[in-house]
Amino acid sequence: MNKPVPQSTFQIEKLFPQPKERVFAALQDPTKKRRWFAEGDGFELQSYELDFRVGGFERTFFRPKGGPPMTQEAYYFDIIPNERIVFAYSMTIAGAPLSASLGTMELSSTELDSGKLGTRLLYTEHTAYLDGNDGSVSRREGTEQLFVALARELELHT
């Protein structure tokens, strides 16, 4: 019997006090992205590669401390500098398929409450959970944590 394939779609809007050029730089620069995306607390990073271009890829091999090995592999379909990134990515856990996702990041300049110009990032993700388990709550929470890490990166590293 085939496992069901639960699916979910979610959006997250995040405001950053930095201009969109700085936010985009943290998404495309391998050193910056590795720091906020791949080197998270509670995880052991085995390897990270980023070839940021249309047709390029991102590969992360990691494991939760004391947990099974995991992979995240992405492919970039569309990149408009400082405006938009469209990509697909898959994840595995202990070698078994976990999920396949399509993600879109849209960046726009926006006036913040302070009157300063900042960046509005709108992230949309559609995911199919290939292991048969609905992981939508944990996926959204994990993505929100990544954007907190991105905000920290932007605050600490100019």
N, C-alpha and C. Protein backbone atom coordinates (compact mmCIF):
# COMPACT_ATOMS: atom_id res chain seq x y z
N MET A 1 0.84 -1.19 0.00
CA MET A 1 0.00 0.00 0.00
C MET A 1 0.88 1.25 0.00
N ASN A 2 0.54 2.20 -0.85
CA ASN A 2 1.30 3.45 -0.93
C ASN A 2 1.00 4.34 0.28
N LYS A 3 2.03 5.03 0.72
CA LYS A 3 1.85 6.01 1.80
C LYS A 3 1.15 7.24 1.22
N PRO A 4 0.35 7.91 2.03
CA PRO A 4 -0.22 9.19 1.57
C PRO A 4 0.91 10.22 1.41
N VAL A 5 0.65 11.25 0.65
CA VAL A 5 1.62 12.33 0.47
C VAL A 5 0.96 13.62 0.96
N PRO A 6 1.02 13.87 2.27
CA PRO A 6 0.46 15.13 2.79
C PRO A 6 1.19 16.31 2.15
N GLN A 7 0.44 17.38 1.91
CA GLN A 7 1.02 18.57 1.30
C GLN A 7 0.57 19.81 2.06
N SER A 8 1.39 20.83 2.01
CA SER A 8 1.03 22.09 2.66
C SER A 8 1.65 23.25 1.91
N THR A 9 1.01 24.40 2.07
CA THR A 9 1.52 25.65 1.54
C THR A 9 1.46 26.67 2.67
N PHE A 10 2.53 27.45 2.81
CA PHE A 10 2.52 28.51 3.80
C PHE A 10 3.28 29.71 3.28
N GLN A 11 3.00 30.86 3.90
CA GLN A 11 3.72 32.10 3.60
C GLN A 11 4.22 32.70 4.91
N ILE A 12 5.40 33.29 4.82
CA ILE A 12 5.96 34.03 5.95
C ILE A 12 6.40 35.38 5.41
N GLU A 13 5.99 36.44 6.10
CA GLU A 13 6.45 37.77 5.77
C GLU A 13 7.40 38.23 6.87
N LYS A 14 8.55 38.71 6.48
CA LYS A 14 9.56 39.16 7.45
C LYS A 14 10.05 40.53 7.01
N LEU A 15 10.13 41.44 7.97
CA LEU A 15 10.66 42.78 7.70
C LEU A 15 12.07 42.90 8.28
N PHE A 16 12.96 43.46 7.50
CA PHE A 16 14.34 43.67 7.92
C PHE A 16 14.65 45.16 7.82
N PRO A 17 15.39 45.71 8.78
CA PRO A 17 15.72 47.14 8.73
C PRO A 17 16.83 47.46 7.72
N GLN A 18 17.38 46.48 7.07
CA GLN A 18 18.44 46.68 6.09
C GLN A 18 17.84 46.79 4.68
N PRO A 19 18.57 47.46 3.76
CA PRO A 19 18.09 47.55 2.38
C PRO A 19 18.09 46.17 1.71
N LYS A 20 17.26 46.04 0.69
CA LYS A 20 17.11 44.72 0.07
C LYS A 20 18.41 44.21 -0.57
N GLU A 21 19.30 45.09 -0.94
CA GLU A 21 20.59 44.66 -1.50
C GLU A 21 21.40 43.88 -0.45
N ARG A 22 21.33 44.32 0.81
CA ARG A 22 22.04 43.61 1.89
C ARG A 22 21.37 42.28 2.20
N VAL A 23 20.04 42.25 2.19
CA VAL A 23 19.33 41.01 2.44
C VAL A 23 19.64 40.02 1.33
N PHE A 24 19.59 40.47 0.08
CA PHE A 24 19.88 39.59 -1.04
C PHE A 24 21.31 39.06 -0.97
N ALA A 25 22.25 39.92 -0.56
CA ALA A 25 23.65 39.49 -0.44
C ALA A 25 23.78 38.34 0.56
N ALA A 26 23.00 38.36 1.64
CA ALA A 26 23.05 37.28 2.64
C ALA A 26 22.41 36.00 2.12
N LEU A 27 21.62 36.10 1.05
CA LEU A 27 21.02 34.91 0.43
C LEU A 27 21.91 34.31 -0.64
N GLN A 28 22.78 35.12 -1.24
CA GLN A 28 23.59 34.64 -2.36
C GLN A 28 25.05 34.37 -2.02
N ASP A 29 25.60 35.00 -1.01
CA ASP A 29 27.01 34.84 -0.67
C ASP A 29 27.22 33.54 0.10
N PRO A 30 28.06 32.61 -0.40
CA PRO A 30 28.22 31.31 0.25
C PRO A 30 28.67 31.39 1.71
N THR A 31 29.57 32.31 2.04
CA THR A 31 30.05 32.42 3.42
C THR A 31 28.93 32.90 4.34
N LYS A 32 28.23 33.93 3.92
CA LYS A 32 27.13 34.46 4.74
C LYS A 32 26.02 33.43 4.87
N LYS A 33 25.61 32.82 3.75
CA LYS A 33 24.49 31.89 3.81
C LYS A 33 24.85 30.66 4.65
N ARG A 34 26.05 30.17 4.51
CA ARG A 34 26.46 29.02 5.34
C ARG A 34 26.32 29.37 6.82
N ARG A 35 26.74 30.58 7.18
CA ARG A 35 26.74 30.99 8.58
C ARG A 35 25.32 30.99 9.16
N TRP A 36 24.35 31.58 8.46
CA TRP A 36 23.01 31.69 9.04
C TRP A 36 22.12 30.50 8.70
N PHE A 37 22.37 29.83 7.58
CA PHE A 37 21.48 28.76 7.12
C PHE A 37 21.93 27.37 7.56
N ALA A 38 23.22 27.11 7.49
CA ALA A 38 23.70 25.74 7.68
C ALA A 38 24.36 25.48 9.03
N GLU A 39 24.80 26.51 9.72
CA GLU A 39 25.55 26.32 10.97
C GLU A 39 24.68 26.60 12.18
N GLY A 40 23.48 26.03 12.22
CA GLY A 40 22.54 26.29 13.30
C GLY A 40 22.85 25.56 14.59
N ASP A 41 22.34 26.13 15.68
CA ASP A 41 22.47 25.49 16.99
C ASP A 41 21.78 24.13 16.97
N GLY A 42 22.42 23.15 17.59
CA GLY A 42 21.83 21.82 17.68
C GLY A 42 22.09 20.94 16.48
N PHE A 43 22.87 21.43 15.51
CA PHE A 43 23.16 20.65 14.31
C PHE A 43 24.67 20.54 14.11
N GLU A 44 25.09 19.43 13.55
CA GLU A 44 26.48 19.22 13.16
C GLU A 44 26.53 19.25 11.64
N LEU A 45 27.31 20.16 11.09
CA LEU A 45 27.41 20.33 9.64
C LEU A 45 28.53 19.47 9.09
N GLN A 46 28.20 18.60 8.13
CA GLN A 46 29.23 17.80 7.46
C GLN A 46 29.79 18.54 6.25
N SER A 47 28.90 19.13 5.43
CA SER A 47 29.38 19.90 4.27
C SER A 47 28.29 20.84 3.78
N TYR A 48 28.76 21.88 3.09
CA TYR A 48 27.85 22.88 2.53
C TYR A 48 28.44 23.40 1.24
N GLU A 49 27.62 23.46 0.17
CA GLU A 49 28.03 24.00 -1.12
C GLU A 49 26.93 24.90 -1.64
N LEU A 50 27.30 26.02 -2.26
CA LEU A 50 26.33 26.92 -2.86
C LEU A 50 26.87 27.42 -4.20
N ASP A 51 26.12 27.15 -5.26
CA ASP A 51 26.39 27.66 -6.60
C ASP A 51 25.17 28.50 -6.97
N PHE A 52 25.20 29.78 -6.57
CA PHE A 52 24.03 30.64 -6.67
C PHE A 52 23.93 31.27 -8.06
N ARG A 53 23.16 30.63 -8.91
CA ARG A 53 22.88 31.12 -10.26
C ARG A 53 21.70 30.29 -10.78
N VAL A 54 21.02 30.80 -11.81
CA VAL A 54 19.96 30.00 -12.42
C VAL A 54 20.60 28.72 -12.94
N GLY A 55 20.04 27.59 -12.56
CA GLY A 55 20.62 26.29 -12.90
C GLY A 55 21.61 25.80 -11.85
N GLY A 56 21.90 26.64 -10.87
CA GLY A 56 22.85 26.27 -9.82
C GLY A 56 22.17 25.49 -8.71
N PHE A 57 22.94 25.21 -7.67
CA PHE A 57 22.46 24.31 -6.62
C PHE A 57 22.95 24.77 -5.25
N GLU A 58 22.36 24.17 -4.26
CA GLU A 58 22.80 24.31 -2.87
C GLU A 58 22.68 22.92 -2.26
N ARG A 59 23.73 22.49 -1.57
CA ARG A 59 23.72 21.17 -0.92
C ARG A 59 24.21 21.30 0.51
N THR A 60 23.42 20.75 1.41
CA THR A 60 23.77 20.77 2.83
C THR A 60 23.67 19.35 3.36
N PHE A 61 24.75 18.87 3.97
CA PHE A 61 24.76 17.56 4.62
C PHE A 61 25.01 17.81 6.10
N PHE A 62 24.08 17.37 6.95
CA PHE A 62 24.14 17.70 8.37
C PHE A 62 23.44 16.62 9.17
N ARG A 63 23.48 16.77 10.48
CA ARG A 63 22.71 15.90 11.36
C ARG A 63 22.38 16.65 12.63
N PRO A 64 21.19 16.39 13.18
CA PRO A 64 20.93 16.93 14.51
C PRO A 64 21.92 16.27 15.47
N LYS A 65 22.38 16.98 16.47
CA LYS A 65 23.34 16.38 17.41
C LYS A 65 22.76 15.09 17.97
N GLY A 66 23.49 13.98 17.74
CA GLY A 66 23.05 12.67 18.18
C GLY A 66 21.99 12.04 17.30
N GLY A 67 21.63 12.69 16.18
CA GLY A 67 20.57 12.19 15.31
C GLY A 67 21.09 11.62 14.00
N PRO A 68 20.16 11.19 13.14
CA PRO A 68 20.54 10.59 11.86
C PRO A 68 21.02 11.65 10.86
N PRO A 69 21.79 11.23 9.86
CA PRO A 69 22.23 12.17 8.84
C PRO A 69 21.04 12.67 8.03
N MET A 70 21.15 13.94 7.61
CA MET A 70 20.11 14.56 6.80
C MET A 70 20.76 15.30 5.63
N THR A 71 19.99 15.48 4.56
CA THR A 71 20.46 16.27 3.42
C THR A 71 19.38 17.27 3.04
N GLN A 72 19.84 18.36 2.45
CA GLN A 72 18.98 19.36 1.83
C GLN A 72 19.67 19.71 0.52
N GLU A 73 18.97 19.48 -0.60
CA GLU A 73 19.55 19.78 -1.91
C GLU A 73 18.57 20.64 -2.68
N ALA A 74 19.05 21.82 -3.15
CA ALA A 74 18.20 22.78 -3.84
C ALA A 74 18.70 23.01 -5.26
N TYR A 75 17.77 23.44 -6.10
CA TYR A 75 18.05 23.82 -7.49
C TYR A 75 17.40 25.18 -7.73
N TYR A 76 18.14 26.12 -8.32
CA TYR A 76 17.64 27.47 -8.56
C TYR A 76 17.05 27.60 -9.96
N PHE A 77 15.76 27.95 -10.04
CA PHE A 77 15.06 28.10 -11.31
C PHE A 77 15.06 29.53 -11.83
N ASP A 78 14.98 30.50 -10.91
CA ASP A 78 14.83 31.89 -11.33
C ASP A 78 15.48 32.78 -10.27
N ILE A 79 16.30 33.70 -10.71
CA ILE A 79 16.93 34.66 -9.80
C ILE A 79 16.89 36.03 -10.48
N ILE A 80 16.26 36.97 -9.82
CA ILE A 80 16.31 38.37 -10.25
C ILE A 80 16.98 39.11 -9.09
N PRO A 81 18.22 39.56 -9.29
CA PRO A 81 18.96 40.16 -8.18
C PRO A 81 18.16 41.22 -7.44
N ASN A 82 18.19 41.12 -6.11
CA ASN A 82 17.54 42.05 -5.19
C ASN A 82 16.02 42.04 -5.29
N GLU A 83 15.43 41.09 -6.04
CA GLU A 83 13.98 41.06 -6.23
C GLU A 83 13.35 39.70 -5.92
N ARG A 84 13.90 38.61 -6.49
CA ARG A 84 13.20 37.33 -6.41
C ARG A 84 14.17 36.16 -6.57
N ILE A 85 13.84 35.08 -5.84
CA ILE A 85 14.54 33.79 -5.98
C ILE A 85 13.46 32.71 -5.99
N VAL A 86 13.50 31.84 -6.99
CA VAL A 86 12.59 30.69 -7.05
C VAL A 86 13.45 29.44 -7.12
N PHE A 87 13.17 28.49 -6.23
CA PHE A 87 14.00 27.30 -6.13
C PHE A 87 13.14 26.11 -5.70
N ALA A 88 13.66 24.94 -5.93
CA ALA A 88 13.05 23.71 -5.42
C ALA A 88 14.10 23.02 -4.57
N TYR A 89 13.63 22.33 -3.51
CA TYR A 89 14.59 21.59 -2.71
C TYR A 89 13.96 20.33 -2.17
N SER A 90 14.82 19.35 -1.93
CA SER A 90 14.38 18.09 -1.34
C SER A 90 15.20 17.83 -0.08
N MET A 91 14.61 17.05 0.81
CA MET A 91 15.32 16.68 2.04
C MET A 91 15.22 15.18 2.24
N THR A 92 16.28 14.62 2.84
CA THR A 92 16.28 13.22 3.23
C THR A 92 16.65 13.13 4.71
N ILE A 93 16.27 12.03 5.31
CA ILE A 93 16.67 11.74 6.69
C ILE A 93 17.06 10.27 6.72
N ALA A 94 18.28 10.00 7.18
CA ALA A 94 18.83 8.65 7.21
C ALA A 94 18.74 8.00 5.83
N GLY A 95 18.92 8.79 4.78
CA GLY A 95 18.92 8.28 3.41
C GLY A 95 17.54 8.12 2.79
N ALA A 96 16.48 8.28 3.57
CA ALA A 96 15.11 8.11 3.05
C ALA A 96 14.53 9.47 2.67
N PRO A 97 13.78 9.53 1.55
CA PRO A 97 13.16 10.80 1.16
C PRO A 97 12.24 11.33 2.26
N LEU A 98 12.36 12.60 2.56
CA LEU A 98 11.53 13.24 3.57
C LEU A 98 10.51 14.18 2.93
N SER A 99 11.00 15.08 2.03
CA SER A 99 10.08 16.05 1.44
C SER A 99 10.66 16.61 0.15
N ALA A 100 9.75 17.22 -0.64
CA ALA A 100 10.12 17.97 -1.84
C ALA A 100 9.33 19.27 -1.81
N SER A 101 10.02 20.40 -2.03
CA SER A 101 9.39 21.70 -1.87
C SER A 101 9.72 22.64 -3.02
N LEU A 102 8.80 23.57 -3.27
CA LEU A 102 9.02 24.69 -4.17
C LEU A 102 8.95 25.94 -3.32
N GLY A 103 9.98 26.78 -3.38
CA GLY A 103 10.02 27.99 -2.57
C GLY A 103 10.23 29.23 -3.41
N THR A 104 9.62 30.33 -2.98
CA THR A 104 9.79 31.62 -3.65
C THR A 104 10.08 32.68 -2.59
N MET A 105 11.14 33.44 -2.79
CA MET A 105 11.44 34.59 -1.94
C MET A 105 11.29 35.84 -2.79
N GLU A 106 10.44 36.75 -2.32
CA GLU A 106 10.24 38.02 -3.01
C GLU A 106 10.68 39.14 -2.08
N LEU A 107 11.56 40.00 -2.58
CA LEU A 107 12.09 41.11 -1.80
C LEU A 107 11.56 42.43 -2.34
N SER A 108 11.14 43.30 -1.45
CA SER A 108 10.72 44.63 -1.87
C SER A 108 11.13 45.65 -0.81
N SER A 109 11.39 46.86 -1.25
CA SER A 109 11.69 47.94 -0.32
C SER A 109 10.38 48.37 0.33
N THR A 110 10.46 48.68 1.62
CA THR A 110 9.27 49.09 2.35
C THR A 110 9.65 50.09 3.43
N GLU A 111 8.73 50.99 3.71
CA GLU A 111 8.98 51.95 4.79
C GLU A 111 8.60 51.28 6.10
N LEU A 112 9.50 51.32 7.05
CA LEU A 112 9.28 50.71 8.36
C LEU A 112 8.61 51.71 9.29
N ASP A 113 8.15 51.23 10.44
CA ASP A 113 7.51 52.11 11.44
C ASP A 113 8.42 53.26 11.84
N SER A 114 9.71 53.04 11.80
CA SER A 114 10.68 54.07 12.18
C SER A 114 10.80 55.17 11.13
N GLY A 115 10.16 54.95 9.96
CA GLY A 115 10.29 55.90 8.87
C GLY A 115 11.45 55.57 7.95
N LYS A 116 12.32 54.64 8.39
CA LYS A 116 13.46 54.19 7.57
C LYS A 116 12.97 53.27 6.47
N LEU A 117 13.78 53.17 5.43
CA LEU A 117 13.50 52.22 4.35
C LEU A 117 14.15 50.89 4.70
N GLY A 118 13.40 49.82 4.64
CA GLY A 118 13.91 48.48 4.92
C GLY A 118 13.47 47.52 3.82
N THR A 119 13.45 46.25 4.17
CA THR A 119 13.11 45.20 3.21
C THR A 119 11.96 44.36 3.72
N ARG A 120 11.03 44.10 2.85
CA ARG A 120 9.96 43.13 3.11
C ARG A 120 10.31 41.87 2.32
N LEU A 121 10.47 40.76 3.03
CA LEU A 121 10.71 39.47 2.39
C LEU A 121 9.43 38.66 2.53
N LEU A 122 8.87 38.24 1.40
CA LEU A 122 7.71 37.37 1.40
C LEU A 122 8.17 36.01 0.90
N TYR A 123 8.05 35.01 1.77
CA TYR A 123 8.48 33.65 1.45
C TYR A 123 7.23 32.78 1.31
N THR A 124 7.14 32.04 0.22
CA THR A 124 6.04 31.11 -0.01
C THR A 124 6.66 29.74 -0.28
N GLU A 125 6.12 28.71 0.38
CA GLU A 125 6.62 27.35 0.17
C GLU A 125 5.45 26.37 0.03
N HIS A 126 5.57 25.51 -0.96
CA HIS A 126 4.64 24.39 -1.12
C HIS A 126 5.46 23.11 -0.97
N THR A 127 5.02 22.22 -0.07
CA THR A 127 5.80 21.02 0.25
C THR A 127 4.95 19.77 0.16
N ALA A 128 5.54 18.73 -0.42
CA ALA A 128 4.97 17.37 -0.39
C ALA A 128 5.83 16.56 0.57
N TYR A 129 5.19 15.94 1.56
CA TYR A 129 5.90 15.17 2.58
C TYR A 129 5.93 13.71 2.14
N LEU A 130 7.08 13.26 1.68
CA LEU A 130 7.23 11.96 1.02
C LEU A 130 7.27 10.79 1.98
N ASP A 131 7.46 11.06 3.27
CA ASP A 131 7.50 9.98 4.25
C ASP A 131 6.11 9.62 4.78
N GLY A 132 5.08 10.32 4.25
CA GLY A 132 3.72 10.03 4.67
C GLY A 132 3.26 10.78 5.90
N ASN A 133 4.15 11.55 6.53
CA ASN A 133 3.81 12.29 7.75
C ASN A 133 3.66 13.77 7.42
N ASP A 134 2.63 14.39 7.97
CA ASP A 134 2.42 15.82 7.76
C ASP A 134 3.39 16.59 8.64
N GLY A 135 4.43 17.14 8.02
CA GLY A 135 5.44 17.89 8.76
C GLY A 135 5.26 19.39 8.62
N SER A 136 4.04 19.83 8.29
CA SER A 136 3.83 21.24 7.98
C SER A 136 4.11 22.17 9.16
N VAL A 137 3.74 21.77 10.37
CA VAL A 137 3.97 22.65 11.52
C VAL A 137 5.47 22.81 11.78
N SER A 138 6.19 21.70 11.80
CA SER A 138 7.63 21.79 12.08
C SER A 138 8.38 22.47 10.93
N ARG A 139 7.91 22.31 9.68
CA ARG A 139 8.58 22.97 8.55
C ARG A 139 8.42 24.48 8.66
N ARG A 140 7.23 24.93 8.95
CA ARG A 140 7.01 26.38 9.09
C ARG A 140 7.85 26.93 10.25
N GLU A 141 7.84 26.23 11.40
CA GLU A 141 8.62 26.67 12.55
C GLU A 141 10.11 26.72 12.22
N GLY A 142 10.61 25.70 11.53
CA GLY A 142 12.02 25.68 11.14
C GLY A 142 12.36 26.83 10.20
N THR A 143 11.46 27.14 9.27
CA THR A 143 11.69 28.25 8.34
C THR A 143 11.68 29.58 9.08
N GLU A 144 10.76 29.74 10.02
CA GLU A 144 10.74 30.96 10.82
C GLU A 144 12.04 31.12 11.61
N GLN A 145 12.56 30.02 12.15
CA GLN A 145 13.84 30.07 12.88
C GLN A 145 14.99 30.47 11.95
N LEU A 146 14.94 30.00 10.70
CA LEU A 146 15.98 30.39 9.74
C LEU A 146 15.94 31.89 9.47
N PHE A 147 14.75 32.48 9.39
CA PHE A 147 14.65 33.92 9.16
C PHE A 147 15.11 34.72 10.38
N VAL A 148 14.95 34.17 11.57
CA VAL A 148 15.51 34.79 12.77
C VAL A 148 17.04 34.77 12.66
N ALA A 149 17.60 33.65 12.20
CA ALA A 149 19.05 33.54 12.02
C ALA A 149 19.53 34.51 10.93
N LEU A 150 18.75 34.68 9.87
CA LEU A 150 19.09 35.64 8.83
C LEU A 150 19.11 37.06 9.41
N ALA A 151 18.13 37.41 10.21
CA ALA A 151 18.09 38.74 10.83
C ALA A 151 19.33 38.95 11.70
N ARG A 152 19.72 37.92 12.45
CA ARG A 152 20.92 38.00 13.30
C ARG A 152 22.16 38.20 12.43
N GLU A 153 22.24 37.48 11.32
CA GLU A 153 23.36 37.64 10.38
C GLU A 153 23.45 39.08 9.89
N LEU A 154 22.31 39.64 9.52
CA LEU A 154 22.30 41.01 9.00
C LEU A 154 22.67 42.02 10.07
N GLU A 155 22.33 41.77 11.33
CA GLU A 155 22.69 42.67 12.42
C GLU A 155 24.18 42.61 12.73
N LEU A 156 24.75 41.39 12.71
CA LEU A 156 26.12 41.19 13.17
C LEU A 156 27.18 41.41 12.10
N HIS A 157 26.84 41.14 10.85
CA HIS A 157 27.85 41.17 9.78
C HIS A 157 27.41 42.15 8.69
N THR A 158 28.21 43.16 8.51
CA THR A 158 27.86 44.17 7.51
C THR A 158 28.33 43.78 6.14
